[in-house]
Amino acid sequence: MIKFGPSGNCESFYAAGYKHTEQSAKFCKDLGLDCFEYSFGRGVLMSEGKAAQIGEAFSEQGVEISAHAPYFINFANPSDEAAQKSYGYVLQSAKILNIMGGRRVVFHPAAQGKVSREEAVEKTKDRLKILRDYVYLNDFGHMIFCPETMGKLAQIGTLEEVVEFCKIDKCFVPAIDFGHINAREQGSLKTVKDYKTRLEYMISELGFERVKNFHVHFSKIMYGGKGEIKHLTFEDEIYGPEFEPLAVALKELKLEPYIVSESAGTQAEDALAMKRLYNAV
């Protein structure tokens, strides 16, 4: 089943007097949302006890939870010591998410740095093969790990690069951030065909079953010559992308992803707007 939910807690969550992630489960459920993404962006600092409490709350409400691993992961870093830290960030995220009852870990693959793009991509692929081995060694084979398409030109994570990473092993499933793609491609996503072309490419390369329940981040994003500048809300009328053409493409291709709104402050409301648009198509 397709799912819709926010990334983290929106402004209205706090305005209503809520403070704790455990309360996010009922907040999402009451809005009519199906999932929630917890961000470990600044590090995996949660205790196992807290994770268990959060997991119980989400289980009670029937809301699925995923996690975003720390933002400073970089599998193209020339330093092997730095790469070890990146493995650790992903595996720590998986450990705590597993306690919370979730199974999707999203991560940023890499930054290009001072080497050629080809060299950075190859280094990332080599490191992801090692990450795959760690995944199974740590008994996380029941979970999926989602390399994300990135919004800045200097970051590794075009659609094609992410698809290549996912060919390494079935534990890798694409996290497609359509706002990022639109930003790095200077407003490329406008029509149903624009979305279908990319979705059909994923299916042709990875197979329908791997792609059917892929991970989605969606928000409107301001961009410039170097790509992403900042996340916006659905109120913005200057930058894209729009969700409705994607909803049509998903229905036509019978795809049912896990869709996370990353709007700036209105992520729950915009997740609900996406769900309503999808149901209206």
C-alpha atoms as a PDB file:
ATOM      1  CA  MET A   1       0.000   0.000   0.000  1.00  0.00           C
ATOM      2  CA  ILE A   2       1.145   3.510  -0.816  1.00  0.00           C
ATOM      3  CA  LYS A   3       1.954   5.576   2.295  1.00  0.00           C
ATOM      4  CA  PHE A   4       2.165   9.307   2.976  1.00  0.00           C
ATOM      5  CA  GLY A   5       3.744  11.088   5.926  1.00  0.00           C
ATOM      6  CA  PRO A   6       6.057  13.861   7.134  1.00  0.00           C
ATOM      7  CA  SER A   7       9.770  14.081   7.709  1.00  0.00           C
ATOM      8  CA  GLY A   8      10.008  15.073  11.365  1.00  0.00           C
ATOM      9  CA  ASN A   9       7.586  17.263  13.249  1.00  0.00           C
ATOM     10  CA  CYS A  10       5.918  20.223  11.567  1.00  0.00           C
ATOM     11  CA  GLU A  11       5.236  23.656  13.022  1.00  0.00           C
ATOM     12  CA  SER A  12       1.594  22.808  13.788  1.00  0.00           C
ATOM     13  CA  PHE A  13       2.723  19.809  15.855  1.00  0.00           C
ATOM     14  CA  TYR A  14       4.570  22.116  18.256  1.00  0.00           C
ATOM     15  CA  ALA A  15       1.878  24.811  18.041  1.00  0.00           C
ATOM     16  CA  ALA A  16      -0.601  22.229  19.333  1.00  0.00           C
ATOM     17  CA  GLY A  17       1.561  21.771  22.436  1.00  0.00           C
ATOM     18  CA  TYR A  18       3.208  18.488  21.481  1.00  0.00           C
ATOM     19  CA  LYS A  19       6.889  17.941  22.224  1.00  0.00           C
ATOM     20  CA  HIS A  20       7.836  14.280  21.940  1.00  0.00           C
ATOM     21  CA  THR A  21       8.264  11.945  18.999  1.00  0.00           C
ATOM     22  CA  GLU A  22       6.014   9.377  20.686  1.00  0.00           C
ATOM     23  CA  GLN A  23       3.190  11.899  20.210  1.00  0.00           C
ATOM     24  CA  SER A  24       3.929  12.127  16.488  1.00  0.00           C
ATOM     25  CA  ALA A  25       2.337   8.720  15.924  1.00  0.00           C
ATOM     26  CA  LYS A  26      -1.148   9.773  17.037  1.00  0.00           C
ATOM     27  CA  PHE A  27      -0.682  13.220  15.455  1.00  0.00           C
ATOM     28  CA  CYS A  28      -0.044  11.567  12.074  1.00  0.00           C
ATOM     29  CA  LYS A  29      -2.807   8.999  12.532  1.00  0.00           C
ATOM     30  CA  ASP A  30      -5.367  11.657  13.460  1.00  0.00           C
ATOM     31  CA  LEU A  31      -4.486  13.636  10.316  1.00  0.00           C
ATOM     32  CA  GLY A  32      -5.001  10.529   8.207  1.00  0.00           C
ATOM     33  CA  LEU A  33      -1.312   9.943   7.466  1.00  0.00           C
ATOM     34  CA  ASP A  34       0.363   6.555   7.229  1.00  0.00           C
ATOM     35  CA  CYS A  35       4.064   6.996   7.939  1.00  0.00           C
ATOM     36  CA  PHE A  36       6.716   9.187   9.560  1.00  0.00           C
ATOM     37  CA  GLU A  37      10.437   9.677   8.944  1.00  0.00           C
ATOM     38  CA  TYR A  38      12.688  10.288  11.927  1.00  0.00           C
ATOM     39  CA  SER A  39      15.878  12.198  11.184  1.00  0.00           C
ATOM     40  CA  PHE A  40      19.218  11.314  12.744  1.00  0.00           C
ATOM     41  CA  GLY A  41      20.631  14.177  10.674  1.00  0.00           C
ATOM     42  CA  ARG A  42      23.013  15.453  13.343  1.00  0.00           C
ATOM     43  CA  GLY A  43      23.953  12.044  14.702  1.00  0.00           C
ATOM     44  CA  VAL A  44      22.422   8.914  16.222  1.00  0.00           C
ATOM     45  CA  LEU A  45      21.929  10.161  19.770  1.00  0.00           C
ATOM     46  CA  MET A  46      18.811   8.225  20.807  1.00  0.00           C
ATOM     47  CA  SER A  47      18.949   5.590  23.565  1.00  0.00           C
ATOM     48  CA  GLU A  48      17.607   2.095  22.985  1.00  0.00           C
ATOM     49  CA  GLY A  49      14.999   2.687  25.711  1.00  0.00           C
ATOM     50  CA  LYS A  50      13.696   5.816  23.989  1.00  0.00           C
ATOM     51  CA  ALA A  51      13.629   3.964  20.659  1.00  0.00           C
ATOM     52  CA  ALA A  52      11.514   1.205  22.216  1.00  0.00           C
ATOM     53  CA  GLN A  53       9.031   3.780  23.571  1.00  0.00           C
ATOM     54  CA  ILE A  54       8.741   5.445  20.167  1.00  0.00           C
ATOM     55  CA  GLY A  55       8.332   2.077  18.490  1.00  0.00           C
ATOM     56  CA  GLU A  56       5.519   1.106  20.833  1.00  0.00           C
ATOM     57  CA  ALA A  57       3.671   4.371  20.155  1.00  0.00           C
ATOM     58  CA  PHE A  58       3.915   3.971  16.386  1.00  0.00           C
ATOM     59  CA  SER A  59       2.930   0.312  16.543  1.00  0.00           C
ATOM     60  CA  GLU A  60      -0.174   1.180  18.569  1.00  0.00           C
ATOM     61  CA  GLN A  61      -1.266   3.719  15.961  1.00  0.00           C
ATOM     62  CA  GLY A  62      -0.401   1.577  12.963  1.00  0.00           C
ATOM     63  CA  VAL A  63       1.881   4.283  11.534  1.00  0.00           C
ATOM     64  CA  GLU A  64       5.065   3.060   9.840  1.00  0.00           C
ATOM     65  CA  ILE A  65       8.365   4.704  10.797  1.00  0.00           C
ATOM     66  CA  SER A  66      11.545   5.131   8.758  1.00  0.00           C
ATOM     67  CA  ALA A  67      14.798   6.939   9.488  1.00  0.00           C
ATOM     68  CA  HIS A  68      17.202   9.292   7.750  1.00  0.00           C
ATOM     69  CA  ALA A  69      20.828   8.553   8.632  1.00  0.00           C
ATOM     70  CA  PRO A  70      23.215  11.414   9.578  1.00  0.00           C
ATOM     71  CA  TYR A  71      23.765  14.014   6.870  1.00  0.00           C
ATOM     72  CA  PHE A  72      27.558  13.865   7.019  1.00  0.00           C
ATOM     73  CA  ILE A  73      27.868  10.397   5.449  1.00  0.00           C
ATOM     74  CA  ASN A  74      30.282  10.440   2.511  1.00  0.00           C
ATOM     75  CA  PHE A  75      31.242   7.133   0.935  1.00  0.00           C
ATOM     76  CA  ALA A  76      33.504   8.892  -1.589  1.00  0.00           C
ATOM     77  CA  ASN A  77      35.768  10.343   1.099  1.00  0.00           C
ATOM     78  CA  PRO A  78      39.382   9.417   0.212  1.00  0.00           C
ATOM     79  CA  SER A  79      40.042   8.598   3.868  1.00  0.00           C
ATOM     80  CA  ASP A  80      39.338   5.004   4.905  1.00  0.00           C
ATOM     81  CA  GLU A  81      38.968   6.207   8.496  1.00  0.00           C
ATOM     82  CA  ALA A  82      36.209   8.589   7.422  1.00  0.00           C
ATOM     83  CA  ALA A  83      34.551   5.776   5.489  1.00  0.00           C
ATOM     84  CA  GLN A  84      34.481   3.653   8.645  1.00  0.00           C
ATOM     85  CA  LYS A  85      32.556   6.445  10.340  1.00  0.00           C
ATOM     86  CA  SER A  86      30.076   6.490   7.452  1.00  0.00           C
ATOM     87  CA  TYR A  87      29.496   2.745   7.802  1.00  0.00           C
ATOM     88  CA  GLY A  88      28.927   3.331  11.494  1.00  0.00           C
ATOM     89  CA  TYR A  89      26.383   6.105  10.934  1.00  0.00           C
ATOM     90  CA  VAL A  90      24.272   3.883   8.667  1.00  0.00           C
ATOM     91  CA  LEU A  91      24.513   0.845  10.936  1.00  0.00           C
ATOM     92  CA  GLN A  92      23.762   2.856  14.097  1.00  0.00           C
ATOM     93  CA  SER A  93      20.715   4.310  12.366  1.00  0.00           C
ATOM     94  CA  ALA A  94      19.606   0.804  11.405  1.00  0.00           C
ATOM     95  CA  LYS A  95      20.091  -0.496  14.947  1.00  0.00           C
ATOM     96  CA  ILE A  96      17.922   2.199  16.540  1.00  0.00           C
ATOM     97  CA  LEU A  97      15.329   2.120  13.747  1.00  0.00           C
ATOM     98  CA  ASN A  98      15.084  -1.657  14.120  1.00  0.00           C
ATOM     99  CA  ILE A  99      14.225  -1.180  17.799  1.00  0.00           C
ATOM    100  CA  MET A 100      11.606   1.381  16.743  1.00  0.00           C
ATOM    101  CA  GLY A 101      10.074  -1.261  14.489  1.00  0.00           C
ATOM    102  CA  GLY A 102      11.033   0.410  11.204  1.00  0.00           C
ATOM    103  CA  ARG A 103      12.952  -1.026   8.292  1.00  0.00           C
ATOM    104  CA  ARG A 104      13.847   1.821   5.882  1.00  0.00           C
ATOM    105  CA  VAL A 105      17.115   3.717   6.346  1.00  0.00           C
ATOM    106  CA  VAL A 106      17.677   6.641   3.961  1.00  0.00           C
ATOM    107  CA  PHE A 107      21.202   7.995   3.483  1.00  0.00           C
ATOM    108  CA  HIS A 108      23.091  10.527   1.383  1.00  0.00           C
ATOM    109  CA  PRO A 109      25.637   8.587  -0.702  1.00  0.00           C
ATOM    110  CA  ALA A 110      28.585  10.950  -1.143  1.00  0.00           C
ATOM    111  CA  ALA A 111      30.097  14.244  -2.218  1.00  0.00           C
ATOM    112  CA  GLN A 112      32.396  14.545  -5.223  1.00  0.00           C
ATOM    113  CA  GLY A 113      35.188  16.421  -3.475  1.00  0.00           C
ATOM    114  CA  LYS A 114      38.369  17.168  -5.427  1.00  0.00           C
ATOM    115  CA  VAL A 115      38.445  14.000  -7.541  1.00  0.00           C
ATOM    116  CA  SER A 116      36.670  13.372 -10.855  1.00  0.00           C
ATOM    117  CA  ARG A 117      33.007  12.428 -10.720  1.00  0.00           C
ATOM    118  CA  GLU A 118      33.772   8.997 -12.173  1.00  0.00           C
ATOM    119  CA  GLU A 119      36.353   8.338  -9.457  1.00  0.00           C
ATOM    120  CA  ALA A 120      33.979   9.470  -6.711  1.00  0.00           C
ATOM    121  CA  VAL A 121      31.186   7.244  -8.026  1.00  0.00           C
ATOM    122  CA  GLU A 122      33.459   4.206  -8.260  1.00  0.00           C
ATOM    123  CA  LYS A 123      34.752   4.797  -4.728  1.00  0.00           C
ATOM    124  CA  THR A 124      31.166   5.050  -3.502  1.00  0.00           C
ATOM    125  CA  LYS A 125      30.218   1.784  -5.227  1.00  0.00           C
ATOM    126  CA  ASP A 126      33.191   0.002  -3.673  1.00  0.00           C
ATOM    127  CA  ARG A 127      32.245   1.288  -0.229  1.00  0.00           C
ATOM    128  CA  LEU A 128      28.593   0.343  -0.661  1.00  0.00           C
ATOM    129  CA  LYS A 129      29.672  -3.229  -1.372  1.00  0.00           C
ATOM    130  CA  ILE A 130      31.402  -3.188   2.006  1.00  0.00           C
ATOM    131  CA  LEU A 131      28.308  -1.642   3.598  1.00  0.00           C
ATOM    132  CA  ARG A 132      26.266  -4.497   2.106  1.00  0.00           C
ATOM    133  CA  ASP A 133      28.540  -6.992   3.857  1.00  0.00           C
ATOM    134  CA  TYR A 134      28.153  -5.128   7.149  1.00  0.00           C
ATOM    135  CA  VAL A 135      24.364  -5.134   6.721  1.00  0.00           C
ATOM    136  CA  TYR A 136      24.254  -8.923   6.608  1.00  0.00           C
ATOM    137  CA  LEU A 137      26.959  -9.417   9.244  1.00  0.00           C
ATOM    138  CA  ASN A 138      24.851  -7.326  11.635  1.00  0.00           C
ATOM    139  CA  ASP A 139      21.629  -9.228  10.853  1.00  0.00           C
ATOM    140  CA  PHE A 140      19.951  -6.277   9.155  1.00  0.00           C
ATOM    141  CA  GLY A 141      19.050  -8.279   6.067  1.00  0.00           C
ATOM    142  CA  HIS A 142      15.331  -7.735   6.769  1.00  0.00           C
ATOM    143  CA  MET A 143      15.815  -3.970   6.411  1.00  0.00           C
ATOM    144  CA  ILE A 144      16.299  -1.844   3.306  1.00  0.00           C
ATOM    145  CA  PHE A 145      18.880   0.880   2.818  1.00  0.00           C
ATOM    146  CA  CYS A 146      17.961   3.733   0.518  1.00  0.00           C
ATOM    147  CA  PRO A 147      20.645   5.856  -1.187  1.00  0.00           C
ATOM    148  CA  GLU A 148      19.054   9.205  -1.998  1.00  0.00           C
ATOM    149  CA  THR A 149      19.109  11.324  -5.145  1.00  0.00           C
ATOM    150  CA  MET A 150      20.784  14.612  -4.242  1.00  0.00           C
ATOM    151  CA  GLY A 151      19.969  18.217  -5.148  1.00  0.00           C
ATOM    152  CA  LYS A 152      23.381  19.871  -5.499  1.00  0.00           C
ATOM    153  CA  LEU A 153      25.615  19.330  -8.510  1.00  0.00           C
ATOM    154  CA  ALA A 154      28.652  18.703  -6.293  1.00  0.00           C
ATOM    155  CA  GLN A 155      26.906  15.788  -4.563  1.00  0.00           C
ATOM    156  CA  ILE A 156      26.942  12.202  -5.797  1.00  0.00           C
ATOM    157  CA  GLY A 157      23.376  11.091  -6.356  1.00  0.00           C
ATOM    158  CA  THR A 158      21.899  11.550  -9.805  1.00  0.00           C
ATOM    159  CA  LEU A 159      19.028   9.200 -10.602  1.00  0.00           C
ATOM    160  CA  GLU A 160      21.366   7.097 -12.728  1.00  0.00           C
ATOM    161  CA  GLU A 161      24.008   6.921  -9.996  1.00  0.00           C
ATOM    162  CA  VAL A 162      21.478   5.878  -7.356  1.00  0.00           C
ATOM    163  CA  VAL A 163      20.118   3.156  -9.651  1.00  0.00           C
ATOM    164  CA  GLU A 164      23.671   1.863 -10.168  1.00  0.00           C
ATOM    165  CA  PHE A 165      24.211   1.781  -6.410  1.00  0.00           C
ATOM    166  CA  CYS A 166      21.009  -0.217  -5.965  1.00  0.00           C
ATOM    167  CA  LYS A 167      22.207  -2.840  -8.448  1.00  0.00           C
ATOM    168  CA  ILE A 168      24.850  -3.857  -5.894  1.00  0.00           C
ATOM    169  CA  ASP A 169      22.374  -5.793  -3.753  1.00  0.00           C
ATOM    170  CA  LYS A 170      18.673  -6.217  -3.031  1.00  0.00           C
ATOM    171  CA  CYS A 171      19.165  -4.541   0.372  1.00  0.00           C
ATOM    172  CA  PHE A 172      19.503  -1.224  -1.517  1.00  0.00           C
ATOM    173  CA  VAL A 173      16.278   0.432  -2.701  1.00  0.00           C
ATOM    174  CA  PRO A 174      16.222   3.900  -4.298  1.00  0.00           C
ATOM    175  CA  ALA A 175      15.216   6.963  -2.292  1.00  0.00           C
ATOM    176  CA  ILE A 176      14.072   9.298  -5.039  1.00  0.00           C
ATOM    177  CA  ASP A 177      13.843  12.921  -3.963  1.00  0.00           C
ATOM    178  CA  PHE A 178      11.913  14.493  -6.807  1.00  0.00           C
ATOM    179  CA  GLY A 179      12.572  17.988  -5.468  1.00  0.00           C
ATOM    180  CA  HIS A 180      16.293  17.250  -5.626  1.00  0.00           C
ATOM    181  CA  ILE A 181      16.066  15.929  -9.183  1.00  0.00           C
ATOM    182  CA  ASN A 182      14.075  18.983 -10.237  1.00  0.00           C
ATOM    183  CA  ALA A 183      16.613  21.290  -8.571  1.00  0.00           C
ATOM    184  CA  ARG A 184      19.764  19.745 -10.029  1.00  0.00           C
ATOM    185  CA  GLU A 185      18.092  19.549 -13.463  1.00  0.00           C
ATOM    186  CA  GLN A 186      16.873  23.173 -13.321  1.00  0.00           C
ATOM    187  CA  GLY A 187      13.129  22.532 -13.302  1.00  0.00           C
ATOM    188  CA  SER A 188      12.968  19.339 -15.379  1.00  0.00           C
ATOM    189  CA  LEU A 189       9.862  17.801 -13.763  1.00  0.00           C
ATOM    190  CA  LYS A 190       6.657  19.283 -15.138  1.00  0.00           C
ATOM    191  CA  THR A 191       4.540  16.692 -16.923  1.00  0.00           C
ATOM    192  CA  VAL A 192       3.325  13.157 -16.293  1.00  0.00           C
ATOM    193  CA  LYS A 193       5.757  12.063 -19.019  1.00  0.00           C
ATOM    194  CA  ASP A 194       8.676  13.714 -17.179  1.00  0.00           C
ATOM    195  CA  TYR A 195       7.944  11.543 -14.152  1.00  0.00           C
ATOM    196  CA  LYS A 196       7.077   8.394 -16.090  1.00  0.00           C
ATOM    197  CA  THR A 197      10.334   8.541 -18.037  1.00  0.00           C
ATOM    198  CA  ARG A 198      12.311   8.391 -14.803  1.00  0.00           C
ATOM    199  CA  LEU A 199      10.102   5.778 -13.169  1.00  0.00           C
ATOM    200  CA  GLU A 200      10.191   3.548 -16.246  1.00  0.00           C
ATOM    201  CA  TYR A 201      13.973   3.875 -16.322  1.00  0.00           C
ATOM    202  CA  MET A 202      14.133   2.626 -12.721  1.00  0.00           C
ATOM    203  CA  ILE A 203      11.834  -0.292 -13.523  1.00  0.00           C
ATOM    204  CA  SER A 204      13.848  -1.234 -16.622  1.00  0.00           C
ATOM    205  CA  GLU A 205      17.104  -1.246 -14.651  1.00  0.00           C
ATOM    206  CA  LEU A 206      15.984  -2.728 -11.319  1.00  0.00           C
ATOM    207  CA  GLY A 207      12.779  -4.598 -12.078  1.00  0.00           C
ATOM    208  CA  PHE A 208       9.196  -3.835 -11.074  1.00  0.00           C
ATOM    209  CA  GLU A 209       9.299  -5.675  -7.736  1.00  0.00           C
ATOM    210  CA  ARG A 210      12.358  -3.734  -6.534  1.00  0.00           C
ATOM    211  CA  VAL A 211      10.805  -0.419  -7.563  1.00  0.00           C
ATOM    212  CA  LYS A 212       7.153  -1.011  -6.609  1.00  0.00           C
ATOM    213  CA  ASN A 213       7.509   0.193  -3.011  1.00  0.00           C
ATOM    214  CA  PHE A 214      10.519   2.491  -3.447  1.00  0.00           C
ATOM    215  CA  HIS A 215      11.152   5.438  -1.122  1.00  0.00           C
ATOM    216  CA  VAL A 216      10.154   8.989  -2.064  1.00  0.00           C
ATOM    217  CA  HIS A 217      11.033  12.404  -0.677  1.00  0.00           C
ATOM    218  CA  PHE A 218       8.936  15.224  -2.065  1.00  0.00           C
ATOM    219  CA  SER A 219       8.980  18.978  -1.592  1.00  0.00           C
ATOM    220  CA  LYS A 220       9.226  22.118  -3.658  1.00  0.00           C
ATOM    221  CA  ILE A 221      12.822  23.346  -3.657  1.00  0.00           C
ATOM    222  CA  MET A 222      14.386  26.676  -4.608  1.00  0.00           C
ATOM    223  CA  TYR A 223      17.370  26.171  -6.884  1.00  0.00           C
ATOM    224  CA  GLY A 224      20.130  28.073  -8.637  1.00  0.00           C
ATOM    225  CA  GLY A 225      22.978  27.318 -11.011  1.00  0.00           C
ATOM    226  CA  LYS A 226      24.565  24.831  -8.600  1.00  0.00           C
ATOM    227  CA  GLY A 227      21.290  23.093  -7.784  1.00  0.00           C
ATOM    228  CA  GLU A 228      19.352  23.027  -4.523  1.00  0.00           C
ATOM    229  CA  ILE A 229      19.220  26.155  -2.352  1.00  0.00           C
ATOM    230  CA  LYS A 230      16.435  25.516   0.171  1.00  0.00           C
ATOM    231  CA  HIS A 231      13.213  23.617   0.787  1.00  0.00           C
ATOM    232  CA  LEU A 232       9.906  25.443   0.346  1.00  0.00           C
ATOM    233  CA  THR A 233       6.232  24.666   1.005  1.00  0.00           C
ATOM    234  CA  PHE A 234       3.407  23.758  -1.358  1.00  0.00           C
ATOM    235  CA  GLU A 235       2.336  27.415  -1.205  1.00  0.00           C
ATOM    236  CA  ASP A 236       5.265  28.333  -3.456  1.00  0.00           C
ATOM    237  CA  GLU A 237       4.248  29.095  -7.057  1.00  0.00           C
ATOM    238  CA  ILE A 238       7.674  29.825  -8.541  1.00  0.00           C
ATOM    239  CA  TYR A 239       9.664  26.636  -8.080  1.00  0.00           C
ATOM    240  CA  GLY A 240       8.490  23.073  -8.551  1.00  0.00           C
ATOM    241  CA  PRO A 241       7.888  20.333  -8.751  1.00  0.00           C
ATOM    242  CA  GLU A 242       4.144  19.726  -8.596  1.00  0.00           C
ATOM    243  CA  PHE A 243       2.913  16.462  -7.110  1.00  0.00           C
ATOM    244  CA  GLU A 244      -0.196  15.788  -9.211  1.00  0.00           C
ATOM    245  CA  PRO A 245       1.665  14.644 -12.367  1.00  0.00           C
ATOM    246  CA  LEU A 246       3.670  12.236 -10.196  1.00  0.00           C
ATOM    247  CA  ALA A 247       0.440  10.881  -8.686  1.00  0.00           C
ATOM    248  CA  VAL A 248      -0.871  10.152 -12.185  1.00  0.00           C
ATOM    249  CA  ALA A 249       2.412   8.468 -13.186  1.00  0.00           C
ATOM    250  CA  LEU A 250       2.437   6.305 -10.040  1.00  0.00           C
ATOM    251  CA  LYS A 251      -1.119   5.125 -10.648  1.00  0.00           C
ATOM    252  CA  GLU A 252      -0.503   4.410 -14.333  1.00  0.00           C
ATOM    253  CA  LEU A 253       2.590   2.346 -13.491  1.00  0.00           C
ATOM    254  CA  LYS A 254       0.946   0.687 -10.439  1.00  0.00           C
ATOM    255  CA  LEU A 255       3.717   1.834  -8.088  1.00  0.00           C
ATOM    256  CA  GLU A 256       3.011   2.218  -4.360  1.00  0.00           C
ATOM    257  CA  PRO A 257       5.961   3.983  -2.725  1.00  0.00           C
ATOM    258  CA  TYR A 258       6.514   5.298   0.786  1.00  0.00           C
ATOM    259  CA  ILE A 259       6.176   9.064   0.280  1.00  0.00           C
ATOM    260  CA  VAL A 260       7.728  11.511   2.756  1.00  0.00           C
ATOM    261  CA  SER A 261       7.037  15.237   2.664  1.00  0.00           C
ATOM    262  CA  GLU A 262      10.091  17.394   3.350  1.00  0.00           C
ATOM    263  CA  SER A 263       8.343  20.748   3.077  1.00  0.00           C
ATOM    264  CA  ALA A 264       9.734  23.539   5.264  1.00  0.00           C
ATOM    265  CA  GLY A 265       7.525  23.543   8.354  1.00  0.00           C
ATOM    266  CA  THR A 266       4.320  22.296   6.715  1.00  0.00           C
ATOM    267  CA  GLN A 267       5.456  18.760   6.028  1.00  0.00           C
ATOM    268  CA  ALA A 268       2.444  17.051   7.643  1.00  0.00           C
ATOM    269  CA  GLU A 269      -0.064  19.313   5.909  1.00  0.00           C
ATOM    270  CA  ASP A 270       1.675  18.876   2.559  1.00  0.00           C
ATOM    271  CA  ALA A 271       1.845  15.103   3.048  1.00  0.00           C
ATOM    272  CA  LEU A 272      -1.914  15.153   3.542  1.00  0.00           C
ATOM    273  CA  ALA A 273      -2.315  17.335   0.445  1.00  0.00           C
ATOM    274  CA  MET A 274      -0.360  14.735  -1.551  1.00  0.00           C
ATOM    275  CA  LYS A 275      -2.516  11.907  -0.225  1.00  0.00           C
ATOM    276  CA  ARG A 276      -5.686  13.771  -1.218  1.00  0.00           C
ATOM    277  CA  LEU A 277      -4.319  14.572  -4.680  1.00  0.00           C
ATOM    278  CA  TYR A 278      -3.342  10.923  -5.164  1.00  0.00           C
ATOM    279  CA  ASN A 279      -6.778   9.676  -4.098  1.00  0.00           C
ATOM    280  CA  ALA A 280      -8.469  12.213  -6.384  1.00  0.00           C
ATOM    281  CA  VAL A 281      -6.573  11.083  -9.489  1.00  0.00           C
END
